[in-house]
Amino acid sequence: MVRKFLSNYFTPDSSQSVARKDNCLYFKLPYIGPFSTITQRRIKKLATTFCSNLEITLVFTSCKIRSWFGAKDPIPAGLRSRIIYKFSCADCSACYIAETNRHFTTRIREHLASDKHSHIFKHLRGSENVAPFCSEDCFKMYFLKAE
């Protein structure tokens, strides 16, 4: 570890977050509680033991909570929009694939009850035997459309 540090000191790598000013090195590290101060003491002790003319300063940064997990709740499937969906008739082999920019559940209700121009609505109303078998369970969301 000491050799690696010294080799990086004498041949600096531009990808590391190290700034150098004469005999002082600044290191940027994430702050992770008491372990950070312990690490700071150990690094300074190593530097004074092996590099007496070198001053090391550690700068701690805080981590954003959002870097650990998402702050937003996932959108329920029924409230997703801009999707591609498929209707498969439960009584026959009829299949309908479409896309919508509206909420998935809103579009399902329209197909089943109110959109008289919908092919699904016409199919369900066209035969008395089909309607009792088909419900919201016949609809499946397959892909989210790219924005």
Protein backbone atom coordinates (compact mmCIF):
# COMPACT_ATOMS: atom_id res chain seq x y z
CA MET A 1 0.00 0.00 0.00
CA VAL A 2 2.82 2.37 0.87
CA ARG A 3 4.67 1.55 -2.35
CA LYS A 4 1.54 2.13 -4.38
CA PHE A 5 1.04 5.48 -2.68
CA LEU A 6 4.63 6.54 -3.28
CA SER A 7 4.60 5.43 -6.90
CA ASN A 8 1.41 7.44 -7.45
CA TYR A 9 3.03 10.40 -5.73
CA PHE A 10 6.00 10.41 -8.05
CA THR A 11 3.99 9.48 -11.16
CA PRO A 12 0.59 11.11 -10.69
CA ASP A 13 -2.38 9.62 -12.48
CA SER A 14 -4.89 12.16 -13.79
CA SER A 15 -7.86 9.88 -13.01
CA GLN A 16 -7.32 10.05 -9.24
CA SER A 17 -8.88 12.81 -7.18
CA VAL A 18 -5.61 14.10 -5.80
CA ALA A 19 -4.49 17.71 -5.88
CA ARG A 20 -0.85 18.53 -5.24
CA LYS A 21 0.57 21.79 -3.95
CA ASP A 22 4.30 21.70 -3.17
CA ASN A 23 4.72 19.19 -0.33
CA CYS A 24 1.03 18.92 0.45
CA LEU A 25 -1.36 16.34 -0.99
CA TYR A 26 -5.13 16.64 -0.78
CA PHE A 27 -7.24 13.48 -1.01
CA LYS A 28 -11.00 13.53 -1.46
CA LEU A 29 -12.79 10.63 0.29
CA PRO A 30 -16.44 9.91 1.08
CA TYR A 31 -17.40 10.44 4.71
CA ILE A 32 -18.76 7.21 6.19
CA GLY A 33 -18.94 7.95 9.88
CA PRO A 34 -16.36 7.22 12.59
CA PHE A 35 -14.42 4.95 10.24
CA SER A 36 -13.44 8.04 8.23
CA THR A 37 -11.66 9.70 11.16
CA ILE A 38 -9.89 6.44 12.02
CA THR A 39 -8.72 6.16 8.41
CA GLN A 40 -7.56 9.78 8.46
CA ARG A 41 -5.39 9.15 11.53
CA ARG A 42 -3.90 5.99 10.03
CA ILE A 43 -3.04 7.64 6.72
CA LYS A 44 -1.42 10.61 8.45
CA LYS A 45 0.59 8.24 10.67
CA LEU A 46 1.79 6.31 7.61
CA ALA A 47 2.74 9.55 5.86
CA THR A 48 4.77 10.84 8.81
CA THR A 49 6.47 7.43 9.21
CA PHE A 50 7.48 6.93 5.57
CA CYS A 51 7.39 10.45 4.10
CA SER A 52 8.40 12.94 6.77
CA ASN A 53 8.56 15.89 4.36
CA LEU A 54 5.06 15.26 2.99
CA GLU A 55 1.87 16.76 4.37
CA ILE A 56 -1.40 14.93 3.65
CA THR A 57 -4.81 16.52 3.98
CA LEU A 58 -7.95 14.44 3.64
CA VAL A 59 -11.11 16.19 2.54
CA PHE A 60 -14.33 14.34 3.28
CA THR A 61 -17.43 14.64 1.13
CA SER A 62 -20.94 13.66 2.06
CA CYS A 63 -22.89 11.10 0.07
CA LYS A 64 -26.34 11.89 -1.22
CA ILE A 65 -29.05 9.56 0.07
CA ARG A 66 -30.32 9.15 -3.50
CA SER A 67 -27.05 7.43 -4.40
CA TRP A 68 -28.03 4.54 -2.11
CA PHE A 69 -31.63 4.09 -3.29
CA GLY A 70 -34.30 5.80 -5.31
CA ALA A 71 -36.27 8.49 -3.53
CA LYS A 72 -39.38 7.91 -5.64
CA ASP A 73 -41.87 5.10 -5.21
CA PRO A 74 -42.31 2.86 -8.24
CA ILE A 75 -45.29 3.68 -10.42
CA PRO A 76 -48.04 1.04 -10.13
CA ALA A 77 -48.64 -0.87 -13.37
CA GLY A 78 -52.17 0.50 -13.73
CA LEU A 79 -50.98 4.10 -13.59
CA ARG A 80 -48.22 3.73 -16.15
CA SER A 81 -48.61 5.60 -19.40
CA ARG A 82 -46.83 5.58 -22.77
CA ILE A 83 -47.06 1.79 -22.96
CA ILE A 84 -47.70 -1.02 -25.42
CA TYR A 85 -50.29 -3.54 -24.30
CA LYS A 86 -51.99 -6.70 -25.51
CA PHE A 87 -55.56 -7.95 -25.15
CA SER A 88 -56.14 -11.70 -25.49
CA CYS A 89 -59.75 -12.83 -25.57
CA ALA A 90 -60.49 -15.44 -22.89
CA ASP A 91 -63.15 -17.13 -25.04
CA CYS A 92 -61.57 -17.27 -28.49
CA SER A 93 -58.13 -16.75 -30.02
CA ALA A 94 -58.66 -13.05 -30.81
CA CYS A 95 -55.68 -10.84 -29.99
CA TYR A 96 -55.28 -7.05 -30.07
CA ILE A 97 -51.99 -5.15 -29.61
CA ALA A 98 -51.98 -1.38 -29.20
CA GLU A 99 -50.18 1.54 -27.63
CA THR A 100 -51.46 4.36 -25.48
CA ASN A 101 -50.19 7.53 -23.87
CA ARG A 102 -52.90 7.33 -21.22
CA HIS A 103 -52.99 5.42 -17.94
CA PHE A 104 -53.24 1.67 -18.50
CA THR A 105 -56.33 1.17 -16.27
CA THR A 106 -58.11 4.11 -17.87
CA ARG A 107 -57.61 2.63 -21.33
CA ILE A 108 -58.74 -0.83 -20.15
CA ARG A 109 -61.99 0.62 -18.75
CA GLU A 110 -62.60 2.44 -22.01
CA HIS A 111 -62.11 -0.76 -24.02
CA LEU A 112 -64.42 -2.75 -21.77
CA ALA A 113 -67.21 -0.23 -21.25
CA SER A 114 -67.29 3.10 -23.06
CA ASP A 115 -65.19 3.40 -26.25
CA LYS A 116 -67.70 2.37 -28.94
CA HIS A 117 -65.04 2.75 -31.66
CA SER A 118 -62.68 0.29 -29.95
CA HIS A 119 -62.18 -3.05 -31.68
CA ILE A 120 -62.15 -4.75 -28.28
CA PHE A 121 -65.46 -3.13 -27.32
CA LYS A 122 -66.98 -4.22 -30.65
CA HIS A 123 -65.63 -7.76 -30.22
CA LEU A 124 -67.05 -8.07 -26.69
CA ARG A 125 -70.46 -6.65 -27.67
CA GLY A 126 -70.58 -8.62 -30.94
CA SER A 127 -71.15 -11.94 -29.21
CA GLU A 128 -73.09 -12.61 -26.01
CA ASN A 129 -70.82 -15.56 -25.15
CA VAL A 130 -67.56 -13.58 -25.16
CA ALA A 131 -68.30 -10.72 -22.73
CA PRO A 132 -68.69 -12.79 -19.53
CA PHE A 133 -65.23 -14.36 -19.97
CA CYS A 134 -63.27 -11.18 -20.66
CA SER A 135 -62.15 -8.79 -17.93
CA GLU A 136 -59.15 -6.65 -16.97
CA ASP A 137 -57.16 -9.89 -16.57
CA CYS A 138 -57.14 -10.29 -20.38
CA PHE A 139 -54.92 -7.20 -20.72
CA LYS A 140 -51.14 -7.44 -20.35
CA MET A 141 -48.60 -4.65 -20.46
CA TYR A 142 -45.53 -5.72 -22.41
CA PHE A 143 -43.22 -2.80 -23.16
CA LEU A 144 -42.71 0.73 -22.03
CA LYS A 145 -42.32 3.02 -24.99
CA ALA A 146 -39.00 4.89 -25.13
CA GLU A 147 -39.36 8.58 -24.48
